[in-house]
C-alpha atoms as a PDB file:
ATOM      1  CA  MET A   1      30.787-125.818  32.655  1.00  0.00           C
ATOM      2  CA  ASP A   2      31.546-129.049  34.528  1.00  0.00           C
ATOM      3  CA  SER A   3      35.246-129.641  35.094  1.00  0.00           C
ATOM      4  CA  ASP A   4      34.717-133.409  34.910  1.00  0.00           C
ATOM      5  CA  LEU A   5      34.317-133.049  31.143  1.00  0.00           C
ATOM      6  CA  LYS A   6      38.109-133.338  30.973  1.00  0.00           C
ATOM      7  CA  ASP A   7      37.731-137.051  31.762  1.00  0.00           C
ATOM      8  CA  LEU A   8      35.261-137.668  28.913  1.00  0.00           C
ATOM      9  CA  ASP A   9      35.967-138.482  25.288  1.00  0.00           C
ATOM     10  CA  LEU A  10      34.069-135.568  23.746  1.00  0.00           C
ATOM     11  CA  TYR A  11      34.860-136.650  20.196  1.00  0.00           C
ATOM     12  CA  GLY A  12      33.869-140.235  20.952  1.00  0.00           C
ATOM     13  CA  ILE A  13      30.495-139.152  22.350  1.00  0.00           C
ATOM     14  CA  LEU A  14      29.762-137.300  19.094  1.00  0.00           C
ATOM     15  CA  GLU A  15      31.257-140.220  17.102  1.00  0.00           C
ATOM     16  CA  ILE A  16      33.678-138.005  15.175  1.00  0.00           C
ATOM     17  CA  GLN A  17      37.433-137.782  14.704  1.00  0.00           C
ATOM     18  CA  GLN A  18      39.587-135.341  16.654  1.00  0.00           C
ATOM     19  CA  SER A  19      40.402-133.652  13.350  1.00  0.00           C
ATOM     20  CA  ALA A  20      36.716-132.977  12.578  1.00  0.00           C
ATOM     21  CA  THR A  21      35.791-129.559  11.223  1.00  0.00           C
ATOM     22  CA  GLU A  22      33.349-127.214  12.961  1.00  0.00           C
ATOM     23  CA  LYS A  23      30.704-128.109  10.376  1.00  0.00           C
ATOM     24  CA  GLU A  24      31.160-131.829  11.071  1.00  0.00           C
ATOM     25  CA  ILE A  25      30.946-131.169  14.806  1.00  0.00           C
ATOM     26  CA  LYS A  26      27.632-129.310  14.441  1.00  0.00           C
ATOM     27  CA  THR A  27      26.217-132.021  12.177  1.00  0.00           C
ATOM     28  CA  ALA A  28      27.180-134.733  14.661  1.00  0.00           C
ATOM     29  CA  TYR A  29      25.680-132.703  17.510  1.00  0.00           C
ATOM     30  CA  ARG A  30      22.331-132.329  15.717  1.00  0.00           C
ATOM     31  CA  LYS A  31      22.190-136.039  14.984  1.00  0.00           C
ATOM     32  CA  LYS A  32      22.895-136.965  18.609  1.00  0.00           C
ATOM     33  CA  ALA A  33      20.609-134.243  19.990  1.00  0.00           C
ATOM     34  CA  LEU A  34      17.683-135.548  17.940  1.00  0.00           C
ATOM     35  CA  GLN A  35      18.293-139.079  19.230  1.00  0.00           C
ATOM     36  CA  CYS A  36      18.401-138.161  22.928  1.00  0.00           C
ATOM     37  CA  HIS A  37      16.040-135.157  22.972  1.00  0.00           C
ATOM     38  CA  PRO A  38      13.870-135.331  26.159  1.00  0.00           C
ATOM     39  CA  ASP A  39      10.694-134.880  24.100  1.00  0.00           C
ATOM     40  CA  LYS A  40      11.493-138.045  22.126  1.00  0.00           C
ATOM     41  CA  ASN A  41      12.576-140.020  25.208  1.00  0.00           C
ATOM     42  CA  PRO A  42       9.938-139.279  27.881  1.00  0.00           C
ATOM     43  CA  ASP A  43      10.600-142.609  29.632  1.00  0.00           C
ATOM     44  CA  ASN A  44      14.375-142.076  29.903  1.00  0.00           C
ATOM     45  CA  PRO A  45      15.216-140.077  33.059  1.00  0.00           C
ATOM     46  CA  LYS A  46      18.763-139.515  31.789  1.00  0.00           C
ATOM     47  CA  ALA A  47      17.688-138.025  28.453  1.00  0.00           C
ATOM     48  CA  ALA A  48      17.661-134.428  29.730  1.00  0.00           C
ATOM     49  CA  GLN A  49      21.079-134.881  31.367  1.00  0.00           C
ATOM     50  CA  LEU A  50      22.585-136.315  28.176  1.00  0.00           C
ATOM     51  CA  PHE A  51      21.014-133.553  26.074  1.00  0.00           C
ATOM     52  CA  LEU A  52      22.556-130.916  28.363  1.00  0.00           C
ATOM     53  CA  GLN A  53      25.921-132.707  28.182  1.00  0.00           C
ATOM     54  CA  LEU A  54      25.787-132.597  24.374  1.00  0.00           C
ATOM     55  CA  SER A  55      25.172-128.850  24.535  1.00  0.00           C
ATOM     56  CA  LYS A  56      28.281-128.407  26.695  1.00  0.00           C
ATOM     57  CA  ILE A  57      30.347-130.553  24.320  1.00  0.00           C
ATOM     58  CA  LEU A  58      29.205-128.451  21.356  1.00  0.00           C
ATOM     59  CA  THR A  59      30.143-125.272  23.177  1.00  0.00           C
ATOM     60  CA  ILE A  60      33.655-126.548  23.955  1.00  0.00           C
ATOM     61  CA  LEU A  61      34.459-128.001  20.540  1.00  0.00           C
ATOM     62  CA  THR A  62      33.241-124.945  18.623  1.00  0.00           C
ATOM     63  CA  ASP A  63      35.259-122.531  20.758  1.00  0.00           C
ATOM     64  CA  THR A  64      38.836-122.308  19.435  1.00  0.00           C
ATOM     65  CA  ALA A  65      40.583-121.695  22.755  1.00  0.00           C
ATOM     66  CA  ALA A  66      38.555-124.246  24.698  1.00  0.00           C
ATOM     67  CA  ARG A  67      39.015-126.914  22.024  1.00  0.00           C
ATOM     68  CA  LEU A  68      42.766-126.275  21.874  1.00  0.00           C
ATOM     69  CA  ALA A  69      43.045-126.685  25.646  1.00  0.00           C
ATOM     70  CA  TYR A  70      41.004-129.886  25.526  1.00  0.00           C
ATOM     71  CA  ASP A  71      43.051-131.269  22.608  1.00  0.00           C
ATOM     72  CA  LYS A  72      46.261-130.708  24.543  1.00  0.00           C
ATOM     73  CA  LEU A  73      44.788-132.635  27.442  1.00  0.00           C
ATOM     74  CA  VAL A  74      43.696-135.475  25.130  1.00  0.00           C
ATOM     75  CA  ASN A  75      47.056-135.589  23.374  1.00  0.00           C
ATOM     76  CA  ALA A  76      48.865-135.771  26.697  1.00  0.00           C
ATOM     77  CA  LYS A  77      46.756-138.776  27.708  1.00  0.00           C
ATOM     78  CA  ILE A  78      47.311-140.447  24.334  1.00  0.00           C
ATOM     79  CA  ALA A  79      51.064-139.894  24.550  1.00  0.00           C
ATOM     80  CA  ALA A  80      51.128-141.388  28.041  1.00  0.00           C
ATOM     81  CA  LYS A  81      49.288-144.501  26.841  1.00  0.00           C
ATOM     82  CA  LEU A  82      51.659-144.909  23.891  1.00  0.00           C
ATOM     83  CA  ARG A  83      54.689-144.654  26.165  1.00  0.00           C
ATOM     84  CA  GLU A  84      53.216-147.250  28.479  1.00  0.00           C
ATOM     85  CA  LYS A  85      52.670-149.708  25.618  1.00  0.00           C
ATOM     86  CA  GLU A  86      56.321-149.431  24.589  1.00  0.00           C
ATOM     87  CA  TYR A  87      57.614-150.696  27.893  1.00  0.00           C
ATOM     88  CA  ASP A  88      58.197-154.432  28.182  1.00  0.00           C
ATOM     89  CA  SER A  89      57.790-156.619  31.239  1.00  0.00           C
ATOM     90  CA  LYS A  90      61.546-156.739  32.004  1.00  0.00           C
ATOM     91  CA  ARG A  91      61.677-152.993  32.379  1.00  0.00           C
ATOM     92  CA  LYS A  92      58.381-152.774  34.275  1.00  0.00           C
ATOM     93  CA  LYS A  93      59.894-152.309  37.701  1.00  0.00           C
ATOM     94  CA  LEU A  94      62.317-149.680  36.472  1.00  0.00           C
ATOM     95  CA  ILE A  95      59.495-147.990  34.604  1.00  0.00           C
ATOM     96  CA  ASP A  96      57.350-147.866  37.710  1.00  0.00           C
ATOM     97  CA  ASP A  97      60.109-146.135  39.641  1.00  0.00           C
ATOM     98  CA  LEU A  98      60.778-143.719  36.829  1.00  0.00           C
ATOM     99  CA  ALA A  99      57.081-143.090  36.333  1.00  0.00           C
ATOM    100  CA  LYS A 100      56.664-142.223  39.973  1.00  0.00           C
ATOM    101  CA  ARG A 101      59.456-139.653  39.809  1.00  0.00           C
ATOM    102  CA  GLU A 102      58.216-138.411  36.448  1.00  0.00           C
ATOM    103  CA  ASN A 103      54.698-137.982  37.806  1.00  0.00           C
ATOM    104  CA  GLU A 104      56.046-135.938  40.683  1.00  0.00           C
ATOM    105  CA  ALA A 105      58.122-133.819  38.306  1.00  0.00           C
ATOM    106  CA  LEU A 106      55.226-133.314  35.890  1.00  0.00           C
ATOM    107  CA  ALA A 107      52.596-132.703  38.537  1.00  0.00           C
ATOM    108  CA  ASN A 108      52.888-128.950  38.264  1.00  0.00           C
ATOM    109  CA  GLN A 109      52.811-129.074  34.461  1.00  0.00           C
ATOM    110  CA  LYS A 110      49.755-131.324  34.481  1.00  0.00           C
ATOM    111  CA  ASN A 111      47.984-129.086  36.965  1.00  0.00           C
ATOM    112  CA  THR A 112      48.729-126.141  34.722  1.00  0.00           C
ATOM    113  CA  VAL A 113      47.131-127.855  31.710  1.00  0.00           C
ATOM    114  CA  GLU A 114      44.054-128.847  33.715  1.00  0.00           C
ATOM    115  CA  ARG A 115      43.735-125.400  35.249  1.00  0.00           C
ATOM    116  CA  ASN A 116      43.971-123.870  31.787  1.00  0.00           C
ATOM    117  CA  PHE A 117      41.168-126.136  30.532  1.00  0.00           C
ATOM    118  CA  GLU A 118      39.028-125.424  33.592  1.00  0.00           C
ATOM    119  CA  LYS A 119      39.666-121.717  33.097  1.00  0.00           C
ATOM    120  CA  GLU A 120      38.330-121.950  29.540  1.00  0.00           C
ATOM    121  CA  LEU A 121      35.281-123.866  30.787  1.00  0.00           C
ATOM    122  CA  GLU A 122      34.589-121.160  33.346  1.00  0.00           C
ATOM    123  CA  ARG A 123      34.913-118.471  30.681  1.00  0.00           C
ATOM    124  CA  LEU A 124      32.438-120.262  28.468  1.00  0.00           C
ATOM    125  CA  ARG A 125      30.018-120.680  31.358  1.00  0.00           C
ATOM    126  CA  LYS A 126      30.015-116.942  32.027  1.00  0.00           C
ATOM    127  CA  GLU A 127      29.751-115.920  28.397  1.00  0.00           C
ATOM    128  CA  SER A 128      26.406-116.062  26.645  1.00  0.00           C
ATOM    129  CA  SER A 129      26.669-118.432  23.702  1.00  0.00           C
ATOM    130  CA  SER A 130      24.472-117.406  20.783  1.00  0.00           C
ATOM    131  CA  LEU A 131      25.727-120.449  18.890  1.00  0.00           C
ATOM    132  CA  LEU A 132      24.237-122.804  21.467  1.00  0.00           C
ATOM    133  CA  ALA A 133      20.900-120.991  21.324  1.00  0.00           C
ATOM    134  CA  LYS A 134      20.856-121.213  17.523  1.00  0.00           C
ATOM    135  CA  GLU A 135      21.683-124.923  17.532  1.00  0.00           C
ATOM    136  CA  ARG A 136      18.989-125.665  20.092  1.00  0.00           C
ATOM    137  CA  ALA A 137      16.498-123.747  17.960  1.00  0.00           C
ATOM    138  CA  ARG A 138      17.655-125.736  14.936  1.00  0.00           C
ATOM    139  CA  VAL A 139      17.117-129.039  16.774  1.00  0.00           C
ATOM    140  CA  ASN A 140      13.629-127.933  17.851  1.00  0.00           C
ATOM    141  CA  GLU A 141      12.828-126.951  14.268  1.00  0.00           C
ATOM    142  CA  LEU A 142      13.968-130.360  13.026  1.00  0.00           C
ATOM    143  CA  LEU A 143      11.728-132.003  15.598  1.00  0.00           C
ATOM    144  CA  ARG A 144       8.771-129.922  14.420  1.00  0.00           C
ATOM    145  CA  GLN A 145       9.532-130.867  10.818  1.00  0.00           C
ATOM    146  CA  GLN A 146       9.573-134.545  11.775  1.00  0.00           C
ATOM    147  CA  GLU A 147       6.205-134.184  13.509  1.00  0.00           C
ATOM    148  CA  THR A 148       4.814-132.380  10.446  1.00  0.00           C
ATOM    149  CA  GLU A 149       5.987-135.152   8.129  1.00  0.00           C
ATOM    150  CA  LYS A 150       4.519-137.736  10.453  1.00  0.00           C
ATOM    151  CA  GLU A 151       1.230-135.809  10.384  1.00  0.00           C
ATOM    152  CA  LYS A 152       1.216-135.803   6.571  1.00  0.00           C
ATOM    153  CA  ILE A 153       1.790-139.525   6.135  1.00  0.00           C
ATOM    154  CA  GLY A 154       0.361-140.654   9.446  1.00  0.00           C
ATOM    155  CA  SER A 155      -2.249-143.257  10.233  1.00  0.00           C
ATOM    156  CA  PHE A 156      -4.253-142.529  13.367  1.00  0.00           C
ATOM    157  CA  LYS A 157      -6.686-145.191  14.513  1.00  0.00           C
ATOM    158  CA  LEU A 158      -9.591-145.185  16.929  1.00  0.00           C
ATOM    159  CA  LYS A 159     -11.316-148.125  18.553  1.00  0.00           C
ATOM    160  CA  VAL A 160     -15.113-147.789  18.658  1.00  0.00           C
ATOM    161  CA  LYS A 161     -17.403-149.906  20.853  1.00  0.00           C
ATOM    162  CA  TRP A 162     -21.167-150.050  21.463  1.00  0.00           C
ATOM    163  CA  LYS A 163     -23.562-152.370  23.296  1.00  0.00           C
ATOM    164  CA  GLU A 164     -26.456-153.217  21.001  1.00  0.00           C
ATOM    165  CA  ASN A 165     -25.740-155.462  18.035  1.00  0.00           C
ATOM    166  CA  GLY A 166     -27.050-154.450  14.587  1.00  0.00           C
ATOM    167  CA  VAL A 167     -27.133-150.678  15.167  1.00  0.00           C
ATOM    168  CA  TYR A 168     -23.865-149.689  13.500  1.00  0.00           C
ATOM    169  CA  ASN A 169     -22.142-150.800  10.309  1.00  0.00           C
ATOM    170  CA  LYS A 170     -19.394-149.486   8.053  1.00  0.00           C
ATOM    171  CA  ASP A 171     -21.642-147.000   6.215  1.00  0.00           C
ATOM    172  CA  ASN A 172     -23.216-145.194   9.157  1.00  0.00           C
ATOM    173  CA  LEU A 173     -19.934-145.220  11.118  1.00  0.00           C
ATOM    174  CA  THR A 174     -18.194-143.650   8.132  1.00  0.00           C
ATOM    175  CA  SER A 175     -20.923-140.996   7.986  1.00  0.00           C
ATOM    176  CA  LEU A 176     -20.583-140.234  11.712  1.00  0.00           C
ATOM    177  CA  PHE A 177     -16.802-139.984  11.801  1.00  0.00           C
ATOM    178  CA  SER A 178     -16.344-138.146   8.494  1.00  0.00           C
ATOM    179  CA  LYS A 179     -17.542-134.974  10.233  1.00  0.00           C
ATOM    180  CA  TYR A 180     -14.089-134.602  11.819  1.00  0.00           C
ATOM    181  CA  GLY A 181     -11.865-135.125   8.783  1.00  0.00           C
ATOM    182  CA  ASP A 182     -10.808-137.536   6.059  1.00  0.00           C
ATOM    183  CA  VAL A 183     -11.471-141.127   7.077  1.00  0.00           C
ATOM    184  CA  ILE A 184      -9.103-143.619   5.420  1.00  0.00           C
ATOM    185  CA  THR A 185     -11.250-146.620   6.230  1.00  0.00           C
ATOM    186  CA  VAL A 186     -13.666-148.164   8.706  1.00  0.00           C
ATOM    187  CA  VAL A 187     -13.463-151.836   9.688  1.00  0.00           C
ATOM    188  CA  VAL A 188     -16.189-153.580  11.683  1.00  0.00           C
ATOM    189  CA  LEU A 189     -14.693-156.646  13.368  1.00  0.00           C
ATOM    190  CA  GLU A 190     -16.719-159.683  12.435  1.00  0.00           C
ATOM    191  CA  ASN A 191     -15.465-162.011  15.163  1.00  0.00           C
ATOM    192  CA  LYS A 192     -15.815-159.447  17.923  1.00  0.00           C
ATOM    193  CA  LYS A 193     -19.318-158.057  18.356  1.00  0.00           C
ATOM    194  CA  CYS A 194     -19.957-154.329  18.519  1.00  0.00           C
ATOM    195  CA  VAL A 195     -16.347-153.292  17.872  1.00  0.00           C
ATOM    196  CA  ALA A 196     -14.968-151.305  14.947  1.00  0.00           C
ATOM    197  CA  LEU A 197     -11.806-149.481  13.956  1.00  0.00           C
ATOM    198  CA  VAL A 198     -11.712-146.038  12.347  1.00  0.00           C
ATOM    199  CA  GLU A 199      -8.537-144.782  10.657  1.00  0.00           C
ATOM    200  CA  TYR A 200      -7.811-141.080  10.012  1.00  0.00           C
ATOM    201  CA  LYS A 201      -5.102-139.364   8.012  1.00  0.00           C
ATOM    202  CA  SER A 202      -4.908-136.494  10.512  1.00  0.00           C
ATOM    203  CA  LYS A 203      -4.059-136.790  14.191  1.00  0.00           C
ATOM    204  CA  THR A 204      -6.166-133.697  14.921  1.00  0.00           C
ATOM    205  CA  SER A 205      -9.196-135.308  13.277  1.00  0.00           C
ATOM    206  CA  ALA A 206      -8.718-138.494  15.301  1.00  0.00           C
ATOM    207  CA  ILE A 207      -8.394-136.572  18.567  1.00  0.00           C
ATOM    208  CA  ASN A 208     -11.491-134.465  17.844  1.00  0.00           C
ATOM    209  CA  ALA A 209     -13.481-137.567  16.949  1.00  0.00           C
ATOM    210  CA  LYS A 210     -12.402-139.316  20.127  1.00  0.00           C
ATOM    211  CA  ASN A 211     -13.355-136.335  22.292  1.00  0.00           C
ATOM    212  CA  LEU A 212     -16.614-135.361  20.557  1.00  0.00           C
ATOM    213  CA  GLU A 213     -18.314-138.314  18.840  1.00  0.00           C
ATOM    214  CA  VAL A 214     -20.944-140.100  20.956  1.00  0.00           C
ATOM    215  CA  GLY A 215     -23.045-141.832  18.272  1.00  0.00           C
ATOM    216  CA  TYR A 216     -26.819-142.276  18.307  1.00  0.00           C
ATOM    217  CA  PRO A 217     -28.712-141.362  21.505  1.00  0.00           C
ATOM    218  CA  ASN A 218     -30.277-144.809  21.831  1.00  0.00           C
ATOM    219  CA  CYS A 219     -26.924-146.588  21.389  1.00  0.00           C
ATOM    220  CA  PRO A 220     -23.958-144.436  22.480  1.00  0.00           C
ATOM    221  CA  LEU A 221     -20.451-145.060  21.197  1.00  0.00           C
ATOM    222  CA  ILE A 222     -17.375-145.487  23.362  1.00  0.00           C
ATOM    223  CA  VAL A 223     -14.351-144.180  21.443  1.00  0.00           C
ATOM    224  CA  SER A 224     -10.724-144.696  22.490  1.00  0.00           C
ATOM    225  CA  PHE A 225      -7.275-144.194  20.986  1.00  0.00           C
ATOM    226  CA  LEU A 226      -5.593-147.191  19.356  1.00  0.00           C
ATOM    227  CA  GLY A 227      -1.925-146.343  19.823  1.00  0.00           C
ATOM    228  CA  ASP A 228       0.051-143.826  21.884  1.00  0.00           C
ATOM    229  CA  TYR A 229      -0.444-140.732  19.677  1.00  0.00           C
ATOM    230  CA  GLY A 230      -3.275-139.507  21.921  1.00  0.00           C
ATOM    231  CA  GLN A 231      -1.167-139.567  25.082  1.00  0.00           C
ATOM    232  CA  ASP A 232       0.143-136.029  24.537  1.00  0.00           C
ATOM    233  CA  THR A 233      -3.404-134.656  24.806  1.00  0.00           C
ATOM    234  CA  LYS A 234      -3.969-135.924  28.357  1.00  0.00           C
ATOM    235  CA  LYS A 235      -1.899-133.238  30.092  1.00  0.00           C
ATOM    236  CA  SER A 236      -3.338-130.433  27.981  1.00  0.00           C
ATOM    237  CA  THR A 237      -6.897-131.477  28.782  1.00  0.00           C
ATOM    238  CA  THR A 238      -6.390-131.958  32.524  1.00  0.00           C
ATOM    239  CA  ASN A 239      -7.424-128.403  33.378  1.00  0.00           C
ATOM    240  CA  HIS A 240     -10.256-128.225  30.820  1.00  0.00           C
ATOM    241  CA  THR A 241     -13.709-129.710  30.758  1.00  0.00           C
ATOM    242  CA  SER A 242     -13.500-133.156  29.242  1.00  0.00           C
ATOM    243  CA  ALA A 243     -15.741-134.375  26.442  1.00  0.00           C
ATOM    244  CA  PRO A 244     -19.097-135.705  27.636  1.00  0.00           C
ATOM    245  CA  ASN A 245     -19.291-139.357  28.500  1.00  0.00           C
ATOM    246  CA  PRO A 246     -21.860-140.980  26.203  1.00  0.00           C
ATOM    247  CA  SER A 247     -22.884-143.531  28.808  1.00  0.00           C
ATOM    248  CA  THR A 248     -23.683-140.694  31.246  1.00  0.00           C
ATOM    249  CA  ILE A 249     -25.475-138.300  28.861  1.00  0.00           C
ATOM    250  CA  PHE A 250     -27.750-140.945  27.387  1.00  0.00           C
ATOM    251  CA  SER A 251     -28.257-143.096  30.442  1.00  0.00           C
ATOM    252  CA  THR A 252     -32.030-142.518  30.141  1.00  0.00           C
ATOM    253  CA  TYR A 253     -32.035-144.282  26.781  1.00  0.00           C
ATOM    254  CA  GLN A 254     -30.481-147.456  28.120  1.00  0.00           C
ATOM    255  CA  ASN A 255     -32.418-150.490  29.201  1.00  0.00           C
ATOM    256  CA  PRO A 256     -32.965-150.164  32.973  1.00  0.00           C
ATOM    257  CA  ASN A 257     -32.775-153.959  33.290  1.00  0.00           C
ATOM    258  CA  ASP A 258     -29.341-154.037  31.745  1.00  0.00           C
ATOM    259  CA  ASN A 259     -26.846-154.033  34.594  1.00  0.00           C
ATOM    260  CA  HIS A 260     -23.961-154.896  32.356  1.00  0.00           C
ATOM    261  CA  VAL A 261     -20.925-152.607  32.804  1.00  0.00           C
ATOM    262  CA  GLU A 262     -18.395-152.712  30.026  1.00  0.00           C
ATOM    263  CA  ASN A 263     -14.801-152.410  31.153  1.00  0.00           C
ATOM    264  CA  THR A 264     -12.215-150.694  28.966  1.00  0.00           C
ATOM    265  CA  SER A 265     -10.238-153.401  27.192  1.00  0.00           C
ATOM    266  CA  SER A 266      -6.510-153.404  27.668  1.00  0.00           C
ATOM    267  CA  ALA A 267      -3.886-153.473  24.962  1.00  0.00           C
ATOM    268  CA  GLN A 268      -3.076-157.042  25.950  1.00  0.00           C
ATOM    269  CA  ALA A 269      -6.652-158.209  25.412  1.00  0.00           C
ATOM    270  CA  PHE A 270      -6.689-156.592  21.984  1.00  0.00           C
ATOM    271  CA  SER A 271      -3.280-157.852  20.835  1.00  0.00           C
ATOM    272  CA  ASP A 272      -4.758-161.121  19.518  1.00  0.00           C
ATOM    273  CA  TYR A 273      -6.525-159.136  16.801  1.00  0.00           C
ATOM    274  CA  GLU A 274      -3.563-157.041  15.726  1.00  0.00           C
ATOM    275  CA  ALA A 275      -2.521-159.035  12.658  1.00  0.00           C
ATOM    276  CA  MET A 276      -6.099-159.314  11.429  1.00  0.00           C
ATOM    277  CA  ILE A 277      -6.725-155.613  11.936  1.00  0.00           C
ATOM    278  CA  LEU A 278      -3.695-154.562   9.887  1.00  0.00           C
ATOM    279  CA  GLU A 279      -4.717-156.871   7.049  1.00  0.00           C
ATOM    280  CA  ARG A 280      -8.256-155.469   7.054  1.00  0.00           C
ATOM    281  CA  PHE A 281      -6.988-151.900   6.863  1.00  0.00           C
ATOM    282  CA  ARG A 282      -4.891-152.763   3.833  1.00  0.00           C
ATOM    283  CA  LYS A 283      -7.894-154.265   2.047  1.00  0.00           C
ATOM    284  CA  ALA A 284     -10.459-151.747   3.284  1.00  0.00           C
ATOM    285  CA  ASN A 285     -10.649-149.789   0.024  1.00  0.00           C
ATOM    286  CA  LYS A 286     -11.920-152.845  -1.887  1.00  0.00           C
ATOM    287  CA  PRO A 287     -15.695-153.086  -2.404  1.00  0.00           C
ATOM    288  CA  GLN A 288     -17.455-155.080   0.288  1.00  0.00           C
ATOM    289  CA  GLN A 289     -20.841-156.722   0.324  1.00  0.00           C
ATOM    290  CA  GLU A 290     -23.658-154.910   2.025  1.00  0.00           C
ATOM    291  CA  ASN A 291     -23.904-155.730   5.703  1.00  0.00           C
ATOM    292  CA  SER A 292     -26.602-158.362   6.360  1.00  0.00           C
ATOM    293  CA  ASN A 293     -27.839-156.286   9.311  1.00  0.00           C
ATOM    294  CA  SER A 294     -28.271-153.087   7.262  1.00  0.00           C
ATOM    295  CA  GLY A 295     -32.037-153.466   7.517  1.00  0.00           C
ATOM    296  CA  LYS A 296     -31.749-152.965  11.248  1.00  0.00           C
ATOM    297  CA  ILE A 297     -29.804-149.693  11.030  1.00  0.00           C
ATOM    298  CA  ASN A 298     -31.221-146.980  13.212  1.00  0.00           C
ATOM    299  CA  THR A 299     -32.024-144.075  10.907  1.00  0.00           C
ATOM    300  CA  GLN A 300     -32.104-141.446  13.624  1.00  0.00           C
ATOM    301  CA  GLU A 301     -29.956-138.412  13.017  1.00  0.00           C
ATOM    302  CA  PRO A 302     -26.662-138.611  15.038  1.00  0.00           C
ATOM    303  CA  TRP A 303     -26.426-136.471  18.094  1.00  0.00           C
ATOM    304  CA  VAL A 304     -23.823-133.756  17.506  1.00  0.00           C
ATOM    305  CA  VAL A 305     -21.848-132.184  20.342  1.00  0.00           C
END
């Protein structure tokens, strides 16, 4: 245990009163631990340090002897501050002289209190704390529950692009992407050629569709995540064979005179369509007129990976 914890307001960090019960302390710890858990704050380099500090605070405040030693230290500081507030300016000089002598006289007593607290910290460091392990497991379980709830009510979108106009519409895109799970809706952007959005209920379905769906051989699809939910799959797929690139597999089907290379659009370039996209998803379940280009739909069977 770090001895510098004696300079911290352990109750203030947990946002509880000094008189809080052990149950209130554990509840406050779980709340704070969920907020600063490293898994929920990947961009905060101090998240792991704060999470470890919370674990130490929990260990101290749930151990009777360690908490008593810390409370004595806190009460001594509070008493000193109250005494200082009682002194007026006319007695300041006299107070300073007395304080100096008092500090010298109380030095040994203060050192004894601090040594006692540090002794308790050392004892806790050496002892295995099953309580801490249980609370960490509880926090991890709460995180898993949150992820499960998010999965149940989630909305996971994919951005789909292709090169040749008139090949894909809402119906055949729905047919292609339904292989991977329940599709909430499909929106083909009218004012942006050859671009559509596909929304899934399940994150797993969206990830599988992104990795596996390539569309028709004569007009491959380029599928990408719309949002950050797919970021956690990048590390896990680094050491595995990635899904085939449609533009590579079906290069023989492309027009040899077409030298156009389509760059992946950035989030900034797509932000202009955000409001329109959300509105379309809300209205997607209403009947729509048949696409005027449906007569041009390629009726070839989709290539399945």
